[in-house]
Protein backbone atom coordinates (compact mmCIF):
# COMPACT_ATOMS: atom_id res chain seq x y z
CA MET A 1 -17.20 -43.73 -14.25
CA GLN A 2 -16.15 -40.38 -15.72
CA ARG A 3 -12.46 -40.04 -16.46
CA LEU A 4 -10.40 -36.88 -16.37
CA GLN A 5 -9.31 -35.45 -19.69
CA LEU A 6 -5.56 -35.32 -20.15
CA ILE A 7 -4.15 -31.80 -20.23
CA HIS A 8 -1.55 -31.37 -22.96
CA THR A 9 1.19 -29.01 -21.84
CA ASN A 10 4.87 -28.53 -22.57
CA PHE A 11 6.73 -28.73 -19.27
CA CYS A 12 9.79 -26.56 -18.81
CA SER A 13 13.11 -28.14 -17.99
CA ASN A 14 12.72 -26.89 -14.41
CA GLN A 15 9.73 -29.03 -13.53
CA LYS A 16 7.86 -28.07 -10.39
CA VAL A 17 6.06 -31.40 -9.90
CA GLU A 18 7.57 -34.89 -9.53
CA ILE A 19 5.86 -38.28 -9.57
CA GLU A 20 6.91 -41.38 -7.64
CA ARG A 21 5.20 -44.73 -8.14
CA LEU A 22 5.19 -47.35 -5.39
CA GLU A 23 3.84 -49.95 -7.79
CA GLU A 24 4.04 -52.90 -5.40
CA ASP A 25 1.67 -51.02 -3.09
CA GLN A 26 -0.28 -49.45 -5.98
CA ILE A 27 0.38 -45.93 -4.68
CA GLY A 28 1.25 -42.82 -6.70
CA ILE A 29 2.96 -39.89 -4.96
CA ILE A 30 2.99 -36.36 -6.36
CA TYR A 31 5.65 -34.02 -4.94
CA LEU A 32 5.43 -30.22 -5.14
CA ASN A 33 9.01 -29.01 -5.59
CA SER A 34 9.47 -25.34 -6.47
CA GLN A 35 11.90 -23.77 -4.03
CA THR A 36 12.16 -20.43 -5.85
CA ASP A 37 8.50 -19.49 -5.29
CA LEU A 38 7.64 -21.65 -2.27
CA ASN A 39 5.46 -24.03 -4.29
CA SER A 40 3.14 -21.20 -5.26
CA LEU A 41 0.33 -22.07 -7.66
CA SER A 42 1.90 -20.50 -10.71
CA ASN A 43 0.46 -21.34 -14.11
CA GLN A 44 3.26 -23.86 -14.61
CA MET A 45 2.67 -25.47 -11.20
CA LYS A 46 -1.08 -25.73 -11.82
CA GLN A 47 -0.61 -27.24 -15.26
CA GLU A 48 1.95 -29.78 -14.08
CA LEU A 49 -0.09 -30.69 -11.00
CA CYS A 50 -3.25 -31.20 -13.06
CA ALA A 51 -1.35 -33.33 -15.59
CA ALA A 52 0.19 -35.46 -12.80
CA ILE A 53 -3.19 -36.09 -11.17
CA ILE A 54 -4.74 -37.09 -14.49
CA GLU A 55 -1.80 -39.38 -15.33
CA LEU A 56 -2.12 -41.28 -12.04
CA ASP A 57 -5.91 -41.34 -12.18
CA GLN A 58 -5.73 -43.03 -15.58
CA ASP A 59 -3.03 -45.51 -14.49
CA ASP A 60 -4.89 -48.72 -13.64
CA LYS A 61 -1.94 -49.93 -11.55
CA ILE A 62 -2.46 -47.07 -9.10
CA LYS A 63 -5.26 -47.16 -6.50
CA VAL A 64 -4.36 -44.27 -4.19
CA LEU A 65 -2.76 -40.84 -4.73
CA ILE A 66 -0.69 -38.84 -2.25
CA ILE A 67 0.39 -35.21 -2.56
CA LEU A 68 3.42 -34.03 -0.56
CA SER A 69 5.84 -31.12 -0.60
CA LYS A 70 9.60 -31.50 -0.93
CA LEU A 71 10.20 -28.14 0.75
CA ASN A 72 11.10 -28.25 4.43
CA LYS A 73 8.68 -25.70 5.88
CA ILE A 74 6.22 -25.00 3.08
CA PHE A 75 3.46 -27.13 1.63
CA CYS A 76 2.16 -24.46 -0.74
CA ALA A 77 2.29 -20.67 -0.38
CA GLY A 78 -0.84 -20.13 -2.45
CA ALA A 79 -1.35 -18.10 -5.61
CA ASN A 80 1.62 -16.68 -7.47
CA ILE A 81 1.19 -13.01 -6.56
CA LYS A 82 3.18 -11.69 -9.52
CA GLU A 83 1.00 -13.59 -11.98
CA LEU A 84 -2.08 -12.54 -10.05
CA SER A 85 -1.06 -8.87 -10.33
CA ASP A 86 -1.00 -9.20 -14.12
CA CYS A 87 -4.43 -10.84 -14.22
CA SER A 88 -7.56 -8.95 -15.23
CA TYR A 89 -11.22 -9.93 -15.12
CA GLN A 90 -11.20 -10.45 -18.88
CA SER A 91 -8.04 -12.59 -18.93
CA GLN A 92 -9.22 -14.70 -16.00
CA GLN A 93 -12.59 -15.25 -17.68
CA VAL A 94 -10.76 -16.52 -20.79
CA SER A 95 -8.12 -18.76 -19.19
CA ASP A 96 -9.86 -19.50 -15.85
CA ILE A 97 -6.96 -21.70 -14.73
CA PHE A 98 -8.49 -21.93 -11.24
CA HIS A 99 -11.56 -23.57 -12.74
CA GLN A 100 -9.27 -26.07 -14.45
CA ILE A 101 -7.56 -27.12 -11.22
CA TYR A 102 -10.87 -27.26 -9.36
CA THR A 103 -12.38 -29.47 -12.08
CA VAL A 104 -9.41 -31.85 -12.10
CA PHE A 105 -9.59 -32.39 -8.34
CA ASP A 106 -13.37 -32.66 -8.34
CA SER A 107 -13.28 -35.27 -11.12
CA LEU A 108 -10.53 -37.39 -9.55
CA ARG A 109 -11.96 -40.88 -9.11
CA LYS A 110 -9.38 -42.37 -6.77
CA PRO A 111 -8.79 -41.65 -3.07
CA LEU A 112 -6.42 -38.73 -2.44
CA ILE A 113 -4.28 -38.30 0.68
CA ILE A 114 -2.62 -34.93 1.22
CA GLY A 115 0.27 -34.53 3.66
CA VAL A 116 0.79 -30.94 4.83
CA ASN A 117 4.28 -30.42 6.23
CA GLY A 118 4.28 -26.65 6.88
CA ALA A 119 2.50 -23.52 5.71
CA ALA A 120 -0.56 -24.09 3.51
CA LEU A 121 -1.81 -20.62 2.71
CA GLY A 122 -4.50 -19.29 0.39
CA GLY A 123 -4.62 -21.56 -2.64
CA GLY A 124 -2.29 -23.93 -0.77
CA PHE A 125 -4.94 -24.40 1.93
CA GLU A 126 -7.61 -24.78 -0.76
CA LEU A 127 -5.41 -27.39 -2.44
CA ALA A 128 -5.19 -29.31 0.84
CA LEU A 129 -8.96 -29.10 1.32
CA ASN A 130 -9.33 -31.21 -1.84
CA GLY A 131 -7.81 -34.18 -0.03
CA ASP A 132 -10.07 -37.06 0.95
CA ILE A 133 -7.74 -37.57 3.89
CA ILE A 134 -5.54 -34.72 5.17
CA ILE A 135 -2.58 -35.44 7.44
CA ALA A 136 -0.60 -32.58 8.96
CA SER A 137 2.77 -32.27 10.62
CA GLU A 138 2.87 -30.71 14.07
CA ASP A 139 4.18 -27.40 12.72
CA ALA A 140 1.69 -27.14 9.84
CA LYS A 141 -0.28 -23.91 9.56
CA PHE A 142 -3.34 -23.18 7.46
CA GLY A 143 -4.87 -19.89 6.42
CA LEU A 144 -6.93 -18.04 3.82
CA PRO A 145 -5.38 -14.55 3.71
CA GLU A 146 -6.92 -13.54 0.37
CA LEU A 147 -8.92 -10.67 1.87
CA LYS A 148 -5.63 -8.96 2.72
CA LEU A 149 -5.07 -8.74 -1.06
CA GLY A 150 -8.54 -7.40 -1.72
CA VAL A 151 -9.88 -10.67 -3.14
CA ILE A 152 -11.52 -13.83 -1.77
CA PRO A 153 -10.56 -17.53 -1.98
CA GLY A 154 -11.15 -18.69 -5.55
CA ILE A 155 -10.55 -22.46 -5.66
CA GLY A 156 -13.41 -23.59 -3.43
CA GLY A 157 -12.07 -22.32 -0.09
CA THR A 158 -15.23 -20.54 1.01
CA GLN A 159 -17.30 -23.63 0.19
CA ARG A 160 -15.12 -26.50 1.41
CA LEU A 161 -14.06 -24.83 4.67
CA THR A 162 -17.68 -23.93 5.46
CA GLN A 163 -18.73 -27.54 4.88
CA LEU A 164 -16.07 -28.71 7.33
CA VAL A 165 -16.31 -26.18 10.17
CA GLY A 166 -19.68 -24.48 9.73
CA LYS A 167 -20.60 -20.97 8.63
CA THR A 168 -19.64 -18.93 11.70
CA THR A 169 -16.22 -20.51 12.14
CA ALA A 170 -15.48 -20.24 8.42
CA MET A 171 -16.51 -16.58 8.59
CA LYS A 172 -14.01 -16.00 11.38
CA TYR A 173 -11.08 -17.65 9.60
CA ILE A 174 -11.78 -16.09 6.19
CA LEU A 175 -12.75 -12.57 7.28
CA THR A 176 -9.90 -12.21 9.81
CA SER A 177 -7.29 -14.15 7.77
CA ASP A 178 -6.26 -15.82 11.05
CA LEU A 179 -3.86 -18.75 10.84
CA ILE A 180 -5.00 -22.19 12.00
CA THR A 181 -2.52 -24.40 13.85
CA SER A 182 -2.34 -28.12 13.16
CA GLN A 183 -3.91 -28.92 16.53
CA GLU A 184 -6.78 -26.49 15.93
CA ALA A 185 -7.24 -27.96 12.46
CA LEU A 186 -7.45 -31.40 14.06
CA ASN A 187 -9.97 -30.22 16.65
CA ARG A 188 -12.09 -28.62 13.92
CA GLY A 189 -12.09 -31.73 11.75
CA ILE A 190 -10.08 -30.08 8.98
CA VAL A 191 -7.29 -32.65 9.16
CA THR A 192 -7.48 -36.36 9.93
CA ASN A 193 -4.49 -36.59 12.23
CA VAL A 194 -1.28 -34.82 13.23
CA VAL A 195 2.17 -36.44 13.25
CA LYS A 196 5.79 -35.41 13.65
CA LYS A 197 7.18 -33.92 10.45
CA GLU A 198 9.74 -36.69 9.99
CA HIS A 199 6.92 -39.27 10.07
CA LEU A 200 4.55 -37.48 7.66
CA ARG A 201 5.47 -39.32 4.46
CA ASP A 202 5.50 -42.70 6.20
CA GLU A 203 2.10 -42.03 7.78
CA CYS A 204 0.59 -41.09 4.43
CA ILE A 205 2.00 -44.25 2.84
CA LYS A 206 0.82 -46.42 5.75
CA ILE A 207 -2.77 -45.23 5.31
CA ALA A 208 -2.49 -45.47 1.52
CA LYS A 209 -1.36 -49.10 1.83
CA ARG A 210 -4.43 -49.98 3.90
CA ILE A 211 -6.64 -48.35 1.29
CA SER A 212 -4.85 -50.03 -1.63
CA GLU A 213 -5.72 -53.45 -0.18
CA LYS A 214 -9.27 -52.83 -1.37
CA SER A 215 -10.71 -53.25 -4.87
CA LEU A 216 -10.02 -50.24 -7.10
CA TYR A 217 -13.54 -50.16 -8.50
CA THR A 218 -15.05 -50.44 -5.03
CA LEU A 219 -12.87 -47.57 -3.83
CA ILE A 220 -14.10 -45.41 -6.71
CA VAL A 221 -17.73 -46.26 -5.95
CA ALA A 222 -17.26 -45.61 -2.21
CA LYS A 223 -15.71 -42.21 -2.90
CA THR A 224 -18.62 -41.34 -5.18
CA ALA A 225 -21.15 -42.27 -2.48
CA ILE A 226 -19.35 -40.23 0.17
CA LYS A 227 -19.14 -37.16 -2.08
CA ASN A 228 -22.89 -37.45 -2.67
CA ALA A 229 -23.39 -36.83 1.06
CA GLU A 230 -22.02 -33.32 0.52
CA GLU A 231 -23.64 -32.58 -2.80
CA LEU A 232 -27.12 -34.16 -2.71
CA PRO A 233 -30.13 -34.00 -0.37
CA VAL A 234 -30.09 -36.86 2.14
CA SER A 235 -33.01 -38.76 0.61
CA GLN A 236 -31.50 -38.60 -2.87
CA ALA A 237 -28.01 -39.51 -1.60
CA ASN A 238 -29.44 -42.54 0.22
CA LYS A 239 -31.21 -43.66 -2.94
CA VAL A 240 -28.02 -43.38 -4.99
CA GLU A 241 -26.10 -45.23 -2.26
CA ARG A 242 -28.49 -48.19 -2.51
CA GLN A 243 -28.16 -48.19 -6.29
CA LEU A 244 -24.37 -48.18 -6.02
CA PHE A 245 -24.49 -50.99 -3.45
CA ASN A 246 -26.70 -53.11 -5.70
CA SER A 247 -24.40 -52.47 -8.66
CA LEU A 248 -21.48 -54.03 -6.76
CA LEU A 249 -23.16 -57.31 -5.82
CA ASN A 250 -22.19 -59.18 -8.99
CA THR A 251 -18.68 -57.76 -9.31
CA GLN A 252 -15.54 -59.84 -9.00
CA ALA A 253 -14.59 -57.85 -5.91
CA ALA A 254 -17.81 -58.69 -4.08
CA LYS A 255 -17.49 -62.37 -4.95
CA GLU A 256 -13.88 -62.44 -3.73
CA GLY A 257 -14.77 -60.56 -0.54
CA VAL A 258 -17.67 -62.87 0.33
CA GLN A 259 -15.66 -66.02 -0.43
CA ALA A 260 -12.76 -64.78 1.67
CA PHE A 261 -15.12 -64.15 4.58
CA ILE A 262 -16.67 -67.61 4.28
CA GLN A 263 -13.24 -69.24 4.00
CA LYS A 264 -11.88 -67.15 6.90
CA ARG A 265 -8.99 -65.70 4.92
CA PRO A 266 -7.94 -62.18 3.92
CA PRO A 267 -9.46 -61.09 0.60
CA ASN A 268 -7.15 -60.61 -2.38
CA PHE A 269 -8.13 -57.51 -4.35
CA LYS A 270 -4.71 -57.09 -5.95
CA ASN A 271 -5.85 -56.88 -9.58
CA ILE A 272 -9.54 -56.19 -9.05
């Protein structure tokens, strides 16, 4: 399986991203924590977030990642407008920091749960759309207001939202810049479930624990197969699925799972 390449960056003393490891449960939590700019996707935030994802993806003790915000009413306010105002076509072509963050998320091997506790706007909504499972608080709001700035979503928003809700609905949300409530997001299949804000972290961890009971390698293979459903024609995706299934038959995880079933006991995938 392809691994992400570690991004080397010198973090400032005022770090915008924090990592918590729940090693007993094999869960890694990434917190966005930049009060001064409402967790906007500044260059520093993007670099730290990418580095944190890569660090946890390469940590063999971690099976599941969670991204949360430490701000009370904001998940992520989107692009840093000041930095965006200083950006030109030429400079963006050279640095292309949005391509970097897109690539890091797209290459992440492990399951990713994202808990949205408030406003997820522009790049913040696009960030959330990278989650394999998205859980929202009751007061969460989503939106892609980029057209109000004379630009369009640039981190996969037009593609991922269209895949989830269909062309006409995506057109409505993107062209009008309308906000999407948590309940509407649930009804449209954008989020997995909606919980009270005070229960958001616990709900993310509860689901992550159930996932972490599985074999790490099997989780990675399952995620690959599911992503193929979006990216490949059905016939080709089915063929790859069978190949991936066959590749698992002689693994330690498959042997443990089959033996546990025969012996009528829970399987133990702790270090598999």
